[in-house]
């Protein structure tokens, strides 16, 4: 299992594309963080490509504007946010779960004025309404767990 978190943290470099070779991917659950300079803003899109592995671990530490958490055994993708150290109401309803263990995926997260729009493998998966209203303060993308990342663009 793996988790994506878009949060406020320390700011990093600007627009970036990054490809990963198999020797660069992490098979541990130590997570990867990527700075999003200028924060999130309408029409900013994050693209993540990788493979869903068989093992996973999730860590929850600080405020999180948008948290995506696939739960394979339940066949769902949980969405949530943590503000002021408190998790909000989980969102679980969706028509399908495109994340399959051992399968590659192509995910796009697009920031809008009112919500994030998430697409996986070219299909609209869900919208997540902003709970953190200051997008420009959202300056960190974190990927945790044993997901194998081959490409990230933001």
C-alpha atoms as a PDB file:
ATOM      1  CA  UNK A   1       0.000   0.000   0.000  1.00  0.00           C
ATOM      2  CA  UNK A   2       1.122   3.546  -0.501  1.00  0.00           C
ATOM      3  CA  UNK A   3      -0.046   7.031   0.236  1.00  0.00           C
ATOM      4  CA  UNK A   4       0.186  10.414  -1.485  1.00  0.00           C
ATOM      5  CA  UNK A   5       0.140  13.547   0.601  1.00  0.00           C
ATOM      6  CA  UNK A   6       0.035  17.102  -0.582  1.00  0.00           C
ATOM      7  CA  UNK A   7       0.924  19.261   2.384  1.00  0.00           C
ATOM      8  CA  UNK A   8       2.467  22.434   3.676  1.00  0.00           C
ATOM      9  CA  UNK A   9       6.104  21.978   4.606  1.00  0.00           C
ATOM     10  CA  UNK A  10       9.468  23.287   3.488  1.00  0.00           C
ATOM     11  CA  UNK A  11       9.482  24.754  -0.001  1.00  0.00           C
ATOM     12  CA  UNK A  12      11.696  23.279  -2.704  1.00  0.00           C
ATOM     13  CA  UNK A  13      12.537  23.961  -6.324  1.00  0.00           C
ATOM     14  CA  UNK A  14      10.103  25.063  -9.046  1.00  0.00           C
ATOM     15  CA  UNK A  15       8.535  23.231 -11.978  1.00  0.00           C
ATOM     16  CA  UNK A  16      10.119  19.855 -12.313  1.00  0.00           C
ATOM     17  CA  UNK A  17      10.048  16.567 -14.174  1.00  0.00           C
ATOM     18  CA  UNK A  18      11.836  13.613 -12.741  1.00  0.00           C
ATOM     19  CA  UNK A  19      12.352  10.130 -14.083  1.00  0.00           C
ATOM     20  CA  UNK A  20      13.507   7.362 -11.792  1.00  0.00           C
ATOM     21  CA  UNK A  21      15.497   4.285 -12.716  1.00  0.00           C
ATOM     22  CA  UNK A  22      14.942   1.041 -10.847  1.00  0.00           C
ATOM     23  CA  UNK A  23      18.158   1.692  -8.928  1.00  0.00           C
ATOM     24  CA  UNK A  24      16.763   5.036  -7.701  1.00  0.00           C
ATOM     25  CA  UNK A  25      13.474   3.727  -6.389  1.00  0.00           C
ATOM     26  CA  UNK A  26      13.172   2.948  -2.745  1.00  0.00           C
ATOM     27  CA  UNK A  27      12.093  -0.504  -1.641  1.00  0.00           C
ATOM     28  CA  UNK A  28      11.766   0.699   1.935  1.00  0.00           C
ATOM     29  CA  UNK A  29       8.962   2.706   3.472  1.00  0.00           C
ATOM     30  CA  UNK A  30      11.085   5.792   4.137  1.00  0.00           C
ATOM     31  CA  UNK A  31       9.016   7.996   1.779  1.00  0.00           C
ATOM     32  CA  UNK A  32       9.985  10.587  -0.790  1.00  0.00           C
ATOM     33  CA  UNK A  33       9.290  14.312  -0.641  1.00  0.00           C
ATOM     34  CA  UNK A  34       9.246  16.849  -3.465  1.00  0.00           C
ATOM     35  CA  UNK A  35       9.080  20.623  -2.970  1.00  0.00           C
ATOM     36  CA  UNK A  36       6.383  22.519  -4.875  1.00  0.00           C
ATOM     37  CA  UNK A  37       7.593  26.111  -5.147  1.00  0.00           C
ATOM     38  CA  UNK A  38       4.839  28.736  -5.461  1.00  0.00           C
ATOM     39  CA  UNK A  39       2.493  26.183  -3.832  1.00  0.00           C
ATOM     40  CA  UNK A  40      -0.560  24.736  -5.520  1.00  0.00           C
ATOM     41  CA  UNK A  41      -2.731  26.950  -7.707  1.00  0.00           C
ATOM     42  CA  UNK A  42      -5.609  26.476 -10.144  1.00  0.00           C
ATOM     43  CA  UNK A  43      -4.592  24.445 -13.202  1.00  0.00           C
ATOM     44  CA  UNK A  44      -1.353  23.188 -11.608  1.00  0.00           C
ATOM     45  CA  UNK A  45      -1.143  19.473 -12.320  1.00  0.00           C
ATOM     46  CA  UNK A  46       0.986  16.785 -10.712  1.00  0.00           C
ATOM     47  CA  UNK A  47       1.619  13.632 -12.774  1.00  0.00           C
ATOM     48  CA  UNK A  48       2.859  10.457 -11.072  1.00  0.00           C
ATOM     49  CA  UNK A  49       3.649   7.194 -12.849  1.00  0.00           C
ATOM     50  CA  UNK A  50       4.658   4.024 -11.119  1.00  0.00           C
ATOM     51  CA  UNK A  51       3.803   0.505 -10.103  1.00  0.00           C
ATOM     52  CA  UNK A  52       1.748  -0.608  -7.149  1.00  0.00           C
ATOM     53  CA  UNK A  53       3.759  -3.144  -5.142  1.00  0.00           C
ATOM     54  CA  UNK A  54       2.663  -5.897  -2.831  1.00  0.00           C
ATOM     55  CA  UNK A  55       3.982  -4.486   0.483  1.00  0.00           C
ATOM     56  CA  UNK A  56       3.274  -1.139   2.121  1.00  0.00           C
ATOM     57  CA  UNK A  57       3.359   1.067   5.187  1.00  0.00           C
ATOM     58  CA  UNK A  58       1.689   4.419   5.857  1.00  0.00           C
ATOM     59  CA  UNK A  59       2.989   7.208   8.103  1.00  0.00           C
ATOM     60  CA  UNK A  60       0.918  10.153   9.347  1.00  0.00           C
ATOM     61  CA  UNK A  61       2.859  13.062  10.762  1.00  0.00           C
ATOM     62  CA  UNK A  62       1.839  16.710  10.080  1.00  0.00           C
ATOM     63  CA  UNK A  63      -0.929  18.744   8.411  1.00  0.00           C
ATOM     64  CA  UNK A  64      -1.987  17.272   5.101  1.00  0.00           C
ATOM     65  CA  UNK A  65      -4.101  19.189   2.576  1.00  0.00           C
ATOM     66  CA  UNK A  66      -4.939  16.097   0.511  1.00  0.00           C
ATOM     67  CA  UNK A  67      -4.242  12.473   1.390  1.00  0.00           C
ATOM     68  CA  UNK A  68      -4.862   9.569  -1.025  1.00  0.00           C
ATOM     69  CA  UNK A  69      -4.749   6.122   0.532  1.00  0.00           C
ATOM     70  CA  UNK A  70      -5.563   3.043  -1.605  1.00  0.00           C
ATOM     71  CA  UNK A  71      -6.786   0.129   0.514  1.00  0.00           C
ATOM     72  CA  UNK A  72      -6.423  -2.969  -1.602  1.00  0.00           C
ATOM     73  CA  UNK A  73      -8.201  -5.460   0.642  1.00  0.00           C
ATOM     74  CA  UNK A  74     -11.236  -3.192   0.896  1.00  0.00           C
ATOM     75  CA  UNK A  75     -11.132  -2.285  -2.806  1.00  0.00           C
ATOM     76  CA  UNK A  76     -11.347   1.461  -2.102  1.00  0.00           C
ATOM     77  CA  UNK A  77      -9.285   4.636  -2.274  1.00  0.00           C
ATOM     78  CA  UNK A  78      -9.710   6.739   0.876  1.00  0.00           C
ATOM     79  CA  UNK A  79      -9.328  10.521   0.614  1.00  0.00           C
ATOM     80  CA  UNK A  80      -8.882  12.815   3.574  1.00  0.00           C
ATOM     81  CA  UNK A  81      -7.012  15.774   5.048  1.00  0.00           C
ATOM     82  CA  UNK A  82      -5.400  16.433   8.403  1.00  0.00           C
ATOM     83  CA  UNK A  83      -5.551  20.011   9.656  1.00  0.00           C
ATOM     84  CA  UNK A  84      -4.336  21.099  13.069  1.00  0.00           C
ATOM     85  CA  UNK A  85      -3.322  17.524  13.811  1.00  0.00           C
ATOM     86  CA  UNK A  86      -6.871  16.196  13.323  1.00  0.00           C
ATOM     87  CA  UNK A  87      -8.029  13.961  10.470  1.00  0.00           C
ATOM     88  CA  UNK A  88     -11.183  15.111   8.711  1.00  0.00           C
ATOM     89  CA  UNK A  89     -14.095  13.047   7.447  1.00  0.00           C
ATOM     90  CA  UNK A  90     -12.918  10.252   5.145  1.00  0.00           C
ATOM     91  CA  UNK A  91     -14.297  10.130   1.620  1.00  0.00           C
ATOM     92  CA  UNK A  92     -14.614   6.582   0.279  1.00  0.00           C
ATOM     93  CA  UNK A  93     -17.398   6.580  -2.318  1.00  0.00           C
ATOM     94  CA  UNK A  94     -16.342   5.883  -5.906  1.00  0.00           C
ATOM     95  CA  UNK A  95     -17.325   3.611  -8.740  1.00  0.00           C
ATOM     96  CA  UNK A  96     -13.994   1.762  -9.073  1.00  0.00           C
ATOM     97  CA  UNK A  97     -10.515   1.313  -7.616  1.00  0.00           C
ATOM     98  CA  UNK A  98      -7.944   1.402 -10.439  1.00  0.00           C
ATOM     99  CA  UNK A  99      -4.992   0.570  -8.178  1.00  0.00           C
ATOM    100  CA  UNK A 100      -4.159  -3.121  -8.431  1.00  0.00           C
ATOM    101  CA  UNK A 101      -1.241  -4.783  -6.680  1.00  0.00           C
ATOM    102  CA  UNK A 102       1.630  -5.393  -9.109  1.00  0.00           C
ATOM    103  CA  UNK A 103       0.143  -3.120 -11.818  1.00  0.00           C
ATOM    104  CA  UNK A 104       1.467   0.105 -13.334  1.00  0.00           C
ATOM    105  CA  UNK A 105      -0.547   3.315 -13.063  1.00  0.00           C
ATOM    106  CA  UNK A 106      -0.520   6.860 -14.453  1.00  0.00           C
ATOM    107  CA  UNK A 107      -2.085   9.374 -12.053  1.00  0.00           C
ATOM    108  CA  UNK A 108      -2.767  13.069 -12.585  1.00  0.00           C
ATOM    109  CA  UNK A 109      -3.793  15.415  -9.750  1.00  0.00           C
ATOM    110  CA  UNK A 110      -5.102  18.756 -10.999  1.00  0.00           C
ATOM    111  CA  UNK A 111      -5.713  21.680  -8.658  1.00  0.00           C
ATOM    112  CA  UNK A 112      -8.846  23.713  -9.347  1.00  0.00           C
ATOM    113  CA  UNK A 113     -10.413  26.719  -7.621  1.00  0.00           C
ATOM    114  CA  UNK A 114     -12.684  24.580  -5.445  1.00  0.00           C
ATOM    115  CA  UNK A 115     -11.244  21.054  -5.661  1.00  0.00           C
ATOM    116  CA  UNK A 116      -8.552  18.645  -6.765  1.00  0.00           C
ATOM    117  CA  UNK A 117      -9.479  16.470  -9.746  1.00  0.00           C
ATOM    118  CA  UNK A 118      -7.789  13.069  -9.841  1.00  0.00           C
ATOM    119  CA  UNK A 119      -7.401  10.950 -12.968  1.00  0.00           C
ATOM    120  CA  UNK A 120      -5.881   7.462 -13.061  1.00  0.00           C
ATOM    121  CA  UNK A 121      -4.969   5.670 -16.306  1.00  0.00           C
ATOM    122  CA  UNK A 122      -6.782   8.360 -18.305  1.00  0.00           C
ATOM    123  CA  UNK A 123     -10.086   8.018 -16.394  1.00  0.00           C
ATOM    124  CA  UNK A 124     -11.559  10.609 -14.025  1.00  0.00           C
ATOM    125  CA  UNK A 125     -11.538   8.880 -10.634  1.00  0.00           C
ATOM    126  CA  UNK A 126     -12.830  11.489  -8.154  1.00  0.00           C
ATOM    127  CA  UNK A 127     -12.859  15.120  -7.044  1.00  0.00           C
ATOM    128  CA  UNK A 128     -11.730  16.219  -3.588  1.00  0.00           C
ATOM    129  CA  UNK A 129     -13.016  19.607  -2.381  1.00  0.00           C
ATOM    130  CA  UNK A 130     -10.378  21.853  -0.852  1.00  0.00           C
ATOM    131  CA  UNK A 131     -10.331  21.800   2.934  1.00  0.00           C
ATOM    132  CA  UNK A 132      -7.094  23.834   3.056  1.00  0.00           C
ATOM    133  CA  UNK A 133      -8.081  27.092   1.367  1.00  0.00           C
ATOM    134  CA  UNK A 134      -4.614  28.678   0.932  1.00  0.00           C
ATOM    135  CA  UNK A 135      -3.253  26.612  -1.981  1.00  0.00           C
ATOM    136  CA  UNK A 136      -0.055  28.677  -2.186  1.00  0.00           C
ATOM    137  CA  UNK A 137       0.900  27.259   1.232  1.00  0.00           C
ATOM    138  CA  UNK A 138       0.673  23.712  -0.117  1.00  0.00           C
ATOM    139  CA  UNK A 139       4.278  23.209  -1.115  1.00  0.00           C
ATOM    140  CA  UNK A 140       5.153  19.557  -0.565  1.00  0.00           C
ATOM    141  CA  UNK A 141       4.299  16.296  -2.322  1.00  0.00           C
ATOM    142  CA  UNK A 142       5.098  13.203  -0.260  1.00  0.00           C
ATOM    143  CA  UNK A 143       4.919   9.620  -1.462  1.00  0.00           C
ATOM    144  CA  UNK A 144       5.199   6.971   1.209  1.00  0.00           C
ATOM    145  CA  UNK A 145       5.262   3.193   1.087  1.00  0.00           C
ATOM    146  CA  UNK A 146       6.819   0.772  -1.331  1.00  0.00           C
ATOM    147  CA  UNK A 147       5.242   2.181  -4.487  1.00  0.00           C
ATOM    148  CA  UNK A 148       7.745   2.113  -7.344  1.00  0.00           C
ATOM    149  CA  UNK A 149       7.839   5.553  -8.956  1.00  0.00           C
ATOM    150  CA  UNK A 150       9.105   5.832 -12.526  1.00  0.00           C
ATOM    151  CA  UNK A 151       8.160   9.472 -13.317  1.00  0.00           C
ATOM    152  CA  UNK A 152       6.926  12.610 -11.571  1.00  0.00           C
ATOM    153  CA  UNK A 153       6.101  15.963 -13.177  1.00  0.00           C
ATOM    154  CA  UNK A 154       4.801  19.151 -11.548  1.00  0.00           C
END
